[in-house]
Protein backbone atom coordinates (compact mmCIF):
# COMPACT_ATOMS: atom_id res chain seq x y z
CA MET A 1 23.93 -4.85 -2.80
CA THR A 2 20.47 -3.70 -3.86
CA THR A 3 19.50 -3.37 -7.51
CA ARG A 4 18.22 -0.22 -9.13
CA HIS A 5 14.72 -1.51 -10.00
CA LEU A 6 12.58 -3.90 -8.03
CA ARG A 7 12.08 -7.28 -9.67
CA LEU A 8 8.64 -7.14 -8.04
CA TYR A 9 7.75 -4.78 -10.87
CA SER A 10 9.04 -7.05 -13.59
CA ASP A 11 9.89 -10.77 -13.55
CA LEU A 12 8.47 -11.21 -10.05
CA ALA A 13 5.32 -9.16 -10.63
CA TRP A 14 3.25 -12.34 -10.38
CA LEU A 15 3.90 -12.24 -6.59
CA TRP A 16 2.30 -8.81 -6.12
CA PRO A 17 -1.38 -9.95 -5.97
CA MET A 18 -0.38 -12.28 -3.12
CA TRP A 19 1.18 -9.49 -1.01
CA GLY A 20 -1.86 -8.22 0.85
CA SER A 21 -5.55 -8.36 0.05
CA HIS A 22 -6.62 -5.71 -2.47
CA GLU A 23 -9.96 -5.53 -0.65
CA ALA A 24 -9.32 -5.79 3.10
CA GLU A 25 -5.84 -4.27 3.42
CA TYR A 26 -6.44 -1.09 1.40
CA ALA A 27 -10.14 -0.36 1.96
CA ASP A 28 -9.88 1.55 5.26
CA TYR A 29 -7.06 3.73 4.05
CA CYS A 30 -8.95 4.62 0.85
CA VAL A 31 -12.04 5.61 2.86
CA HIS A 32 -9.78 7.85 4.99
CA ALA A 33 -8.09 9.37 1.93
CA THR A 34 -11.46 10.01 0.19
CA ALA A 35 -12.77 11.85 3.29
CA LEU A 36 -9.65 14.07 3.45
CA LEU A 37 -9.84 14.95 -0.24
CA ARG A 38 -13.52 15.82 -0.09
CA GLN A 39 -13.03 17.84 3.11
CA HIS A 40 -10.37 20.13 1.59
CA ALA A 41 -11.21 20.33 -2.13
CA ARG A 42 -13.07 23.35 -3.36
CA ARG A 43 -14.95 21.58 -6.16
CA PRO A 44 -16.97 18.35 -6.46
CA LEU A 45 -14.63 15.38 -6.85
CA GLU A 46 -15.58 12.95 -9.58
CA SER A 47 -12.41 12.14 -11.52
CA MET A 48 -9.14 10.98 -9.96
CA LEU A 49 -5.66 10.25 -11.27
CA VAL A 50 -3.64 7.72 -9.32
CA LEU A 51 0.11 8.17 -9.88
CA SER A 52 2.38 5.10 -9.51
CA CYS A 53 -0.75 2.99 -9.33
CA GLY A 54 1.22 -0.33 -9.30
CA GLY A 55 -0.99 -3.37 -9.51
CA GLY A 56 -4.16 -1.36 -8.94
CA LYS A 57 -5.05 -2.29 -5.36
CA ASN A 58 -5.82 1.29 -4.32
CA VAL A 59 -7.60 1.84 -7.60
CA PHE A 60 -9.88 -1.13 -6.75
CA ASN A 61 -11.10 0.67 -3.64
CA LEU A 62 -11.06 4.27 -4.93
CA LYS A 63 -13.14 3.43 -7.98
CA ARG A 64 -16.15 3.07 -5.68
CA GLU A 65 -16.06 6.83 -5.14
CA PHE A 66 -14.31 8.26 -8.24
CA ARG A 67 -13.87 7.77 -11.94
CA VAL A 68 -10.30 6.59 -11.69
CA SER A 69 -7.39 6.65 -14.12
CA GLY A 70 -3.97 5.19 -13.25
CA LEU A 71 -0.40 5.79 -14.37
CA ASP A 72 2.64 3.65 -13.78
CA LEU A 73 6.07 3.09 -15.23
CA SER A 74 5.96 -0.74 -15.11
CA GLU A 75 4.05 -2.48 -17.92
CA ASP A 76 3.91 -5.65 -15.77
CA MET A 77 2.22 -3.83 -12.94
CA LEU A 78 -0.19 -2.09 -15.36
CA ALA A 79 -1.17 -5.49 -16.71
CA LEU A 80 -2.15 -6.55 -13.14
CA ALA A 81 -4.00 -3.25 -12.60
CA ARG A 82 -6.01 -3.67 -15.80
CA ARG A 83 -6.91 -7.20 -14.87
CA LEU A 84 -8.12 -6.12 -11.40
CA ASN A 85 -9.90 -3.00 -12.71
CA PRO A 86 -11.07 -3.64 -16.29
CA GLU A 87 -13.45 -0.68 -16.22
CA CYS A 88 -10.69 1.83 -15.47
CA GLU A 89 -8.19 3.43 -17.84
CA PHE A 90 -4.42 3.15 -17.34
CA PHE A 91 -1.42 4.86 -18.88
CA ALA A 92 2.24 3.99 -19.05
CA GLY A 93 4.47 6.87 -17.98
CA ASP A 94 6.96 8.35 -15.56
CA MET A 95 5.22 10.38 -12.94
CA ARG A 96 8.02 12.96 -12.99
CA ASP A 97 7.37 13.86 -16.62
CA PHE A 98 4.13 13.05 -18.38
CA ASP A 99 1.29 14.92 -20.01
CA LEU A 100 -2.14 13.26 -20.46
CA GLY A 101 -3.56 16.45 -21.99
CA ARG A 102 -6.34 16.65 -19.40
CA ARG A 103 -7.04 17.56 -15.82
CA PHE A 104 -8.60 15.69 -12.91
CA ASP A 105 -10.52 16.70 -9.82
CA ALA A 106 -8.11 14.78 -7.57
CA VAL A 107 -4.64 13.24 -7.70
CA PHE A 108 -3.68 10.40 -5.38
CA ILE A 109 -0.09 9.28 -4.68
CA ASP A 110 0.70 6.53 -2.26
CA ASP A 111 3.96 4.72 -1.45
CA GLY A 112 5.23 4.78 -5.05
CA ILE A 113 6.51 8.27 -4.29
CA SER A 114 9.21 6.59 -2.19
CA HIS A 115 11.07 5.78 -5.37
CA MET A 116 12.01 9.42 -5.70
CA THR A 117 15.49 9.63 -4.16
CA ARG A 118 16.32 13.26 -4.98
CA ARG A 119 14.41 16.42 -4.02
CA ALA A 120 14.46 17.49 -7.67
CA ASP A 121 12.56 14.31 -8.57
CA LEU A 122 10.11 14.82 -5.74
CA GLU A 123 9.40 18.36 -6.91
CA ALA A 124 9.05 17.18 -10.50
CA VAL A 125 6.28 14.75 -9.49
CA PHE A 126 4.45 17.50 -7.61
CA ARG A 127 4.72 20.02 -10.45
CA THR A 128 3.36 17.46 -12.88
CA ALA A 129 0.54 16.58 -10.48
CA HIS A 130 -0.29 20.29 -10.17
CA LEU A 131 -0.53 20.59 -13.97
CA HIS A 132 -3.06 17.75 -14.06
CA LEU A 133 -5.38 19.17 -11.34
CA GLU A 134 -8.49 21.19 -12.03
CA PRO A 135 -8.77 24.52 -10.23
CA GLY A 136 -10.13 23.81 -6.78
CA GLY A 137 -8.92 20.24 -7.00
CA ALA A 138 -6.93 18.39 -4.39
CA LEU A 139 -3.80 16.18 -4.14
CA LEU A 140 -3.27 13.58 -1.46
CA VAL A 141 0.26 12.17 -1.04
CA THR A 142 1.38 9.85 1.72
CA PRO A 143 5.06 9.07 2.28
CA ASP A 144 5.65 5.47 3.34
CA VAL A 145 8.38 6.74 5.67
CA THR A 146 9.99 10.07 6.64
CA ARG A 147 13.33 10.82 8.24
CA GLU A 148 11.50 11.22 11.53
CA SER A 149 9.67 7.88 11.37
CA PHE A 150 12.46 5.75 9.87
CA VAL A 151 13.54 2.79 12.00
CA GLN A 152 17.03 1.51 11.23
CA ASN A 153 17.27 -2.18 10.21
CA ARG A 154 13.51 -2.72 10.67
CA THR A 155 12.53 -6.11 9.38
CA THR A 156 8.97 -7.28 8.77
CA VAL A 157 7.59 -10.64 7.66
CA ALA A 158 4.32 -11.27 5.86
CA GLN A 159 2.71 -14.41 4.51
CA ALA A 160 1.00 -14.46 1.12
CA GLU A 161 -2.73 -13.91 0.90
CA ALA A 162 -4.07 -17.44 0.59
CA SER A 163 -7.02 -16.50 -1.58
CA ALA A 164 -4.73 -14.88 -4.15
CA SER A 165 -2.12 -17.68 -4.22
CA PRO A 166 -2.02 -20.23 -7.05
CA ALA A 167 -2.62 -23.83 -6.10
CA GLY A 168 0.41 -25.43 -4.53
CA VAL A 169 2.24 -22.07 -4.03
CA GLU A 170 3.11 -20.56 -0.68
CA VAL A 171 5.10 -17.35 -0.29
CA VAL A 172 6.67 -15.51 2.64
CA PHE A 173 7.75 -11.87 2.10
CA VAL A 174 10.69 -10.63 4.24
CA GLU A 175 11.29 -6.87 4.11
CA ASN A 176 14.26 -4.96 5.55
CA VAL A 177 15.25 -1.27 5.53
CA PHE A 178 18.71 0.06 6.21
CA ASP A 179 20.29 3.51 5.93
CA PRO A 180 24.09 3.19 5.40
CA ASP A 181 24.55 6.96 5.31
CA PRO A 182 22.28 9.08 7.53
CA ALA A 183 23.76 12.24 5.95
CA ASP A 184 22.05 11.64 2.61
CA GLU A 185 18.37 11.34 1.63
CA SER A 186 17.99 7.67 0.68
CA PHE A 187 18.04 4.18 2.21
CA GLU A 188 18.33 0.55 1.10
CA PHE A 189 15.13 -1.45 0.76
CA THR A 190 15.73 -5.21 0.56
CA LEU A 191 13.25 -7.98 -0.02
CA VAL A 192 13.61 -11.74 0.26
CA TYR A 193 10.91 -13.99 -1.12
CA LEU A 194 10.56 -17.51 0.25
CA ILE A 195 8.65 -19.31 -2.49
CA ARG A 196 7.44 -22.84 -2.01
CA GLU A 197 5.97 -24.50 -5.06
CA ARG A 198 4.48 -27.85 -4.09
CA GLY A 199 6.74 -27.92 -1.08
CA ILE A 200 10.00 -27.14 -2.93
CA LEU A 201 11.65 -23.98 -1.65
CA ARG A 202 13.39 -21.41 -3.80
CA ILE A 203 14.65 -18.04 -2.48
CA GLU A 204 14.61 -14.88 -4.57
CA THR A 205 16.17 -11.60 -3.52
CA ASP A 206 15.23 -8.09 -4.55
CA GLY A 207 15.89 -4.49 -3.56
CA CYS A 208 16.37 -0.89 -4.53
CA GLU A 209 17.20 2.53 -3.20
CA LEU A 210 14.33 4.63 -1.80
CA GLY A 211 14.04 8.26 -0.81
CA LEU A 212 14.22 9.41 2.82
CA PHE A 213 13.22 13.05 3.37
CA SER A 214 12.36 15.06 6.47
CA ILE A 215 8.83 16.27 7.02
CA ASP A 216 10.02 19.84 6.40
CA ALA A 217 11.54 18.72 3.03
CA TRP A 218 8.15 17.29 2.03
CA ARG A 219 6.39 20.49 3.02
CA ALA A 220 8.87 22.62 1.08
CA ALA A 221 8.70 20.49 -2.07
CA LEU A 222 4.90 20.73 -2.13
CA ALA A 223 4.80 24.45 -1.37
CA ASP A 224 7.42 25.21 -4.01
CA SER A 225 5.27 23.31 -6.51
CA GLY A 226 2.38 25.67 -5.98
CA PHE A 227 0.33 23.81 -3.37
CA LEU A 228 -1.37 24.96 -0.21
CA VAL A 229 -0.42 22.19 2.23
CA ARG A 230 -2.37 20.73 5.08
CA GLU A 231 -1.61 17.64 7.08
CA ALA A 232 -3.41 14.75 8.74
CA TRP A 233 -2.47 11.36 10.20
CA TYR A 234 -3.53 7.82 9.38
CA ARG A 235 -2.94 5.00 11.85
CA GLN A 236 -2.60 1.39 10.70
CA GLY A 237 -1.86 -0.97 13.58
CA ASP A 238 1.21 0.30 15.37
CA ASP A 239 2.25 2.54 12.50
CA GLN A 240 1.30 6.14 11.71
CA TYR A 241 1.49 7.71 8.28
CA LEU A 242 1.52 11.42 7.55
CA ASN A 243 -0.93 12.54 4.84
CA PHE A 244 -0.28 15.76 2.96
CA VAL A 245 -3.59 17.12 1.59
CA CYS A 246 -2.84 19.88 -0.92
CA THR A 247 -5.08 22.19 -2.91
CA VAL A 248 -4.61 24.48 -5.90
CA SER A 249 -6.23 27.85 -6.57
């Protein structure tokens, strides 16, 4: 049975820098996202707020184009983000209910939005994002998966980034998704970490519940939060991700 919160965001956070290169893996997507935001915004984009910034890998790439601030609920992930991006500012907070007392030209939300498992939570995030956007600003949000793109029991395997791994440590990440009840709007996300430290194997398990909404549900949640919604696609290998590019008056 999955747990409520990922250990990857707490006691196993030290594994996060090894799961994908912060430079190579995220650079192309951030270039794509930047172009979409600049295309649709109705003001110059200088400042950006990244919600659910995690360990700061997207921030690392986006800071080349914007003055970036990040917000996340996990103090362990924020510590990683600060270490990777010491020149940026970071805040601890729940993206459903926070108030930084300022506005930004752009708001960026990536796969952290998947942790919203109810439509009410999804809408709460978008309303809070709307409150933190300058007039003419733009929001980009990308679901990791939608009801239409979900593949039952999909399992993927990734090896740790060698350049980010401590000496003598090798890690394999095994990721599985499963929806036990197609009538609801969530699914089980399970992780297995194969950790070899100087050749000695230990196995750690992890998991949580993630949201699974239809494309129409995403559109409605954004529109009901006051956004004008446009859509674009981003392809990464064999996968396609739907980008919602949203503006405010």
